[in-house]
Amino acid sequence: LQPAQIQVSRSIRIAAPPERVYPLIADLHGFNRWNPWAKMDPAIRLEYRGPAAGVGATSAWTSEEVGSGSMTIIEARAPEWIAIRLDFLEPFEVTNGASFSLT
């Protein structure tokens, strides 16, 4: 009875130009320094694969608190756009997308 697809949008104003914010998303090491899901479990195990930043960069996680899965940057146009594929494995399997538009 649920729709096959849903979309959720959120916005926030950050007092910084896109050029300063973009690296904190495009580099998944930087992303995980502010990622609220990673902060939920101080014992989270993170693994990085692929390039350090941009298309192909992948971060995988395993956590007792937030489950396990991975995220991969699938599109990047500096400094205004990043699209990510999220593959959740536990507590349930599902693939979702997320994108960041910086203006």
N, C-alpha and C. Protein backbone atom coordinates (compact mmCIF):
# COMPACT_ATOMS: atom_id res chain seq x y z
N LEU A 1 0.80 -1.21 0.00
CA LEU A 1 0.00 0.00 0.00
C LEU A 1 0.83 1.26 0.00
N GLN A 2 2.13 1.12 0.18
CA GLN A 2 3.02 2.27 0.17
C GLN A 2 3.44 2.59 -1.26
N PRO A 3 3.73 3.86 -1.54
CA PRO A 3 4.22 4.18 -2.88
C PRO A 3 5.59 3.54 -3.12
N ALA A 4 5.89 3.24 -4.38
CA ALA A 4 7.17 2.62 -4.72
C ALA A 4 8.33 3.57 -4.50
N GLN A 5 8.10 4.87 -4.62
CA GLN A 5 9.16 5.86 -4.43
C GLN A 5 8.62 7.02 -3.60
N ILE A 6 9.50 7.56 -2.78
CA ILE A 6 9.18 8.78 -2.04
C ILE A 6 10.35 9.74 -2.18
N GLN A 7 10.12 10.99 -1.90
CA GLN A 7 11.18 11.99 -1.93
C GLN A 7 11.02 12.88 -0.71
N VAL A 8 12.12 13.12 -0.02
CA VAL A 8 12.15 14.00 1.13
C VAL A 8 13.18 15.08 0.83
N SER A 9 12.82 16.32 1.03
CA SER A 9 13.75 17.43 0.80
C SER A 9 13.90 18.24 2.07
N ARG A 10 15.13 18.66 2.33
CA ARG A 10 15.42 19.53 3.46
C ARG A 10 16.42 20.57 2.99
N SER A 11 16.37 21.72 3.63
CA SER A 11 17.36 22.74 3.31
C SER A 11 17.84 23.40 4.58
N ILE A 12 19.05 23.93 4.49
CA ILE A 12 19.65 24.63 5.62
C ILE A 12 20.51 25.75 5.04
N ARG A 13 20.56 26.86 5.74
CA ARG A 13 21.42 27.97 5.33
C ARG A 13 22.72 27.87 6.15
N ILE A 14 23.83 27.84 5.42
CA ILE A 14 25.15 27.79 6.05
C ILE A 14 25.88 29.06 5.63
N ALA A 15 26.44 29.74 6.60
CA ALA A 15 27.12 31.01 6.32
C ALA A 15 28.53 30.75 5.77
N ALA A 16 28.57 30.12 4.61
CA ALA A 16 29.84 29.83 3.93
C ALA A 16 29.54 29.63 2.45
N PRO A 17 30.48 29.97 1.59
CA PRO A 17 30.25 29.76 0.16
C PRO A 17 30.32 28.26 -0.18
N PRO A 18 29.68 27.85 -1.29
CA PRO A 18 29.71 26.45 -1.69
C PRO A 18 31.13 25.88 -1.79
N GLU A 19 32.09 26.69 -2.19
CA GLU A 19 33.48 26.22 -2.33
C GLU A 19 34.05 25.73 -1.00
N ARG A 20 33.58 26.26 0.12
CA ARG A 20 34.06 25.82 1.44
C ARG A 20 33.30 24.59 1.93
N VAL A 21 32.03 24.47 1.56
CA VAL A 21 31.19 23.37 2.03
C VAL A 21 31.41 22.10 1.21
N TYR A 22 31.56 22.25 -0.09
CA TYR A 22 31.68 21.12 -1.02
C TYR A 22 32.70 20.07 -0.57
N PRO A 23 33.92 20.44 -0.17
CA PRO A 23 34.90 19.42 0.23
C PRO A 23 34.46 18.59 1.45
N LEU A 24 33.58 19.15 2.28
CA LEU A 24 33.10 18.42 3.46
C LEU A 24 32.05 17.38 3.10
N ILE A 25 31.62 17.37 1.85
CA ILE A 25 30.68 16.36 1.36
C ILE A 25 31.39 15.44 0.36
N ALA A 26 32.16 16.02 -0.55
CA ALA A 26 32.80 15.25 -1.62
C ALA A 26 33.91 14.33 -1.11
N ASP A 27 34.54 14.68 -0.01
CA ASP A 27 35.54 13.81 0.62
C ASP A 27 34.84 13.11 1.78
N LEU A 28 34.61 11.80 1.66
CA LEU A 28 33.82 11.09 2.66
C LEU A 28 34.50 11.01 4.02
N HIS A 29 35.83 11.21 4.08
CA HIS A 29 36.49 11.33 5.38
C HIS A 29 35.96 12.59 6.08
N GLY A 30 35.87 13.69 5.34
CA GLY A 30 35.31 14.93 5.89
C GLY A 30 33.84 14.78 6.19
N PHE A 31 33.11 14.10 5.31
CA PHE A 31 31.68 13.88 5.50
C PHE A 31 31.41 13.19 6.83
N ASN A 32 32.21 12.17 7.15
CA ASN A 32 31.96 11.42 8.38
C ASN A 32 32.39 12.15 9.64
N ARG A 33 33.06 13.30 9.50
CA ARG A 33 33.35 14.12 10.69
C ARG A 33 32.11 14.86 11.16
N TRP A 34 31.14 15.12 10.29
CA TRP A 34 29.92 15.81 10.69
C TRP A 34 28.67 14.96 10.52
N ASN A 35 28.77 13.79 9.92
CA ASN A 35 27.64 12.90 9.66
C ASN A 35 26.93 12.52 10.97
N PRO A 36 25.67 12.93 11.15
CA PRO A 36 24.98 12.63 12.41
C PRO A 36 24.81 11.14 12.66
N TRP A 37 24.70 10.33 11.62
CA TRP A 37 24.55 8.88 11.80
C TRP A 37 25.85 8.28 12.33
N ALA A 38 26.98 8.71 11.82
CA ALA A 38 28.26 8.20 12.31
C ALA A 38 28.50 8.63 13.75
N LYS A 39 28.02 9.81 14.12
CA LYS A 39 28.21 10.30 15.49
C LYS A 39 27.35 9.56 16.52
N MET A 40 26.32 8.82 16.07
CA MET A 40 25.45 8.09 16.99
C MET A 40 26.18 6.95 17.69
N ASP A 41 27.25 6.46 17.10
CA ASP A 41 27.97 5.33 17.67
C ASP A 41 29.47 5.61 17.67
N PRO A 42 30.03 5.97 18.83
CA PRO A 42 31.47 6.25 18.89
C PRO A 42 32.33 5.04 18.48
N ALA A 43 31.76 3.83 18.52
CA ALA A 43 32.51 2.62 18.16
C ALA A 43 32.29 2.21 16.71
N ILE A 44 31.65 3.06 15.91
CA ILE A 44 31.40 2.71 14.51
C ILE A 44 32.71 2.39 13.80
N ARG A 45 32.67 1.38 12.94
CA ARG A 45 33.85 1.01 12.16
C ARG A 45 33.63 1.50 10.74
N LEU A 46 34.54 2.34 10.27
CA LEU A 46 34.45 2.93 8.93
C LEU A 46 35.58 2.41 8.07
N GLU A 47 35.26 2.17 6.81
CA GLU A 47 36.26 1.73 5.82
C GLU A 47 36.06 2.58 4.58
N TYR A 48 37.16 3.00 3.97
CA TYR A 48 37.10 3.83 2.77
C TYR A 48 37.71 3.07 1.60
N ARG A 49 37.05 3.20 0.43
CA ARG A 49 37.54 2.54 -0.78
C ARG A 49 37.47 3.53 -1.94
N GLY A 50 38.23 3.25 -2.97
CA GLY A 50 38.20 4.10 -4.16
C GLY A 50 38.97 5.38 -3.97
N PRO A 51 38.68 6.37 -4.80
CA PRO A 51 39.40 7.65 -4.68
C PRO A 51 39.09 8.33 -3.35
N ALA A 52 39.95 9.26 -2.95
CA ALA A 52 39.75 9.97 -1.69
C ALA A 52 38.50 10.83 -1.71
N ALA A 53 38.12 11.34 -2.88
CA ALA A 53 36.97 12.23 -2.99
C ALA A 53 36.38 12.13 -4.38
N GLY A 54 35.15 12.58 -4.52
CA GLY A 54 34.50 12.63 -5.82
C GLY A 54 33.92 11.30 -6.25
N VAL A 55 33.58 11.21 -7.54
CA VAL A 55 32.92 10.02 -8.08
C VAL A 55 33.74 8.76 -7.79
N GLY A 56 33.06 7.76 -7.26
CA GLY A 56 33.70 6.49 -6.93
C GLY A 56 34.16 6.38 -5.49
N ALA A 57 34.26 7.50 -4.77
CA ALA A 57 34.64 7.44 -3.36
C ALA A 57 33.55 6.70 -2.59
N THR A 58 33.97 5.74 -1.75
CA THR A 58 33.03 4.91 -1.00
C THR A 58 33.42 4.87 0.45
N SER A 59 32.42 4.93 1.31
CA SER A 59 32.59 4.76 2.74
C SER A 59 31.64 3.65 3.18
N ALA A 60 32.17 2.63 3.86
CA ALA A 60 31.34 1.55 4.38
C ALA A 60 31.39 1.61 5.90
N TRP A 61 30.29 1.23 6.53
CA TRP A 61 30.23 1.28 7.99
C TRP A 61 29.64 0.00 8.55
N THR A 62 30.05 -0.31 9.77
CA THR A 62 29.49 -1.40 10.56
C THR A 62 29.33 -0.85 11.96
N SER A 63 28.13 -1.01 12.52
CA SER A 63 27.84 -0.42 13.83
C SER A 63 26.75 -1.20 14.53
N GLU A 64 26.88 -1.40 15.83
CA GLU A 64 25.83 -2.01 16.63
C GLU A 64 24.62 -1.08 16.71
N GLU A 65 24.85 0.23 16.65
CA GLU A 65 23.78 1.22 16.82
C GLU A 65 23.04 1.54 15.53
N VAL A 66 23.77 1.69 14.41
CA VAL A 66 23.15 2.16 13.17
C VAL A 66 23.20 1.14 12.03
N GLY A 67 23.58 -0.10 12.32
CA GLY A 67 23.59 -1.13 11.30
C GLY A 67 24.83 -1.10 10.43
N SER A 68 24.68 -1.59 9.20
CA SER A 68 25.83 -1.62 8.29
C SER A 68 25.38 -1.27 6.89
N GLY A 69 26.34 -0.82 6.10
CA GLY A 69 26.05 -0.46 4.72
C GLY A 69 27.21 0.32 4.13
N SER A 70 26.91 0.99 3.01
CA SER A 70 27.95 1.79 2.36
C SER A 70 27.30 2.95 1.61
N MET A 71 28.11 3.94 1.34
CA MET A 71 27.68 5.07 0.52
C MET A 71 28.76 5.35 -0.51
N THR A 72 28.31 5.62 -1.74
CA THR A 72 29.23 5.85 -2.85
C THR A 72 28.81 7.11 -3.59
N ILE A 73 29.76 7.99 -3.84
CA ILE A 73 29.47 9.18 -4.63
C ILE A 73 29.35 8.74 -6.09
N ILE A 74 28.19 9.02 -6.68
CA ILE A 74 27.94 8.59 -8.06
C ILE A 74 27.94 9.75 -9.05
N GLU A 75 27.88 10.98 -8.53
CA GLU A 75 27.92 12.15 -9.40
C GLU A 75 28.47 13.32 -8.59
N ALA A 76 29.34 14.11 -9.20
CA ALA A 76 29.92 15.26 -8.51
C ALA A 76 30.22 16.36 -9.51
N ARG A 77 29.70 17.55 -9.24
CA ARG A 77 29.99 18.74 -10.05
C ARG A 77 30.37 19.86 -9.09
N ALA A 78 31.67 20.01 -8.89
CA ALA A 78 32.17 21.02 -7.94
C ALA A 78 31.83 22.42 -8.44
N PRO A 79 31.44 23.32 -7.58
CA PRO A 79 31.15 23.11 -6.17
C PRO A 79 29.66 23.07 -5.86
N GLU A 80 28.83 22.64 -6.82
CA GLU A 80 27.39 22.82 -6.58
C GLU A 80 26.56 21.54 -6.42
N TRP A 81 27.07 20.35 -6.71
CA TRP A 81 26.20 19.18 -6.73
C TRP A 81 26.95 17.91 -6.39
N ILE A 82 26.36 17.08 -5.54
CA ILE A 82 26.89 15.75 -5.24
C ILE A 82 25.71 14.80 -5.10
N ALA A 83 25.78 13.65 -5.76
CA ALA A 83 24.75 12.61 -5.62
C ALA A 83 25.42 11.36 -5.05
N ILE A 84 24.70 10.70 -4.14
CA ILE A 84 25.24 9.55 -3.41
C ILE A 84 24.26 8.39 -3.48
N ARG A 85 24.80 7.18 -3.67
CA ARG A 85 24.00 5.96 -3.55
C ARG A 85 24.26 5.37 -2.17
N LEU A 86 23.19 5.11 -1.43
CA LEU A 86 23.28 4.53 -0.09
C LEU A 86 22.79 3.09 -0.15
N ASP A 87 23.64 2.17 0.19
CA ASP A 87 23.28 0.75 0.24
C ASP A 87 23.28 0.29 1.69
N PHE A 88 22.09 0.13 2.24
CA PHE A 88 21.94 -0.33 3.62
C PHE A 88 21.86 -1.86 3.61
N LEU A 89 22.57 -2.51 4.52
CA LEU A 89 22.56 -3.97 4.63
C LEU A 89 21.84 -4.43 5.89
N GLU A 90 22.10 -3.78 7.00
CA GLU A 90 21.45 -4.09 8.28
C GLU A 90 21.02 -2.79 8.92
N PRO A 91 19.90 -2.70 9.57
CA PRO A 91 19.04 -3.82 9.98
C PRO A 91 18.12 -4.33 8.87
N PHE A 92 18.13 -3.73 7.69
CA PHE A 92 17.35 -4.22 6.56
C PHE A 92 18.08 -3.82 5.28
N GLU A 93 17.82 -4.52 4.20
CA GLU A 93 18.47 -4.21 2.92
C GLU A 93 17.61 -3.28 2.10
N VAL A 94 18.21 -2.19 1.67
CA VAL A 94 17.54 -1.24 0.80
C VAL A 94 18.60 -0.33 0.19
N THR A 95 18.33 0.16 -1.02
CA THR A 95 19.21 1.13 -1.66
C THR A 95 18.43 2.42 -1.82
N ASN A 96 19.03 3.52 -1.40
CA ASN A 96 18.42 4.84 -1.52
C ASN A 96 19.42 5.80 -2.18
N GLY A 97 18.92 6.93 -2.57
CA GLY A 97 19.77 7.97 -3.13
C GLY A 97 19.68 9.21 -2.26
N ALA A 98 20.72 10.00 -2.30
CA ALA A 98 20.75 11.29 -1.61
C ALA A 98 21.53 12.26 -2.50
N SER A 99 21.16 13.50 -2.45
CA SER A 99 21.90 14.49 -3.22
C SER A 99 22.02 15.78 -2.43
N PHE A 100 23.05 16.52 -2.72
CA PHE A 100 23.33 17.80 -2.08
C PHE A 100 23.46 18.84 -3.18
N SER A 101 22.66 19.88 -3.09
CA SER A 101 22.72 21.00 -4.02
C SER A 101 23.19 22.21 -3.24
N LEU A 102 24.32 22.76 -3.63
CA LEU A 102 24.92 23.89 -2.92
C LEU A 102 24.77 25.15 -3.77
N THR A 103 24.15 26.18 -3.19
CA THR A 103 23.97 27.44 -3.92
C THR A 103 24.46 28.60 -3.07
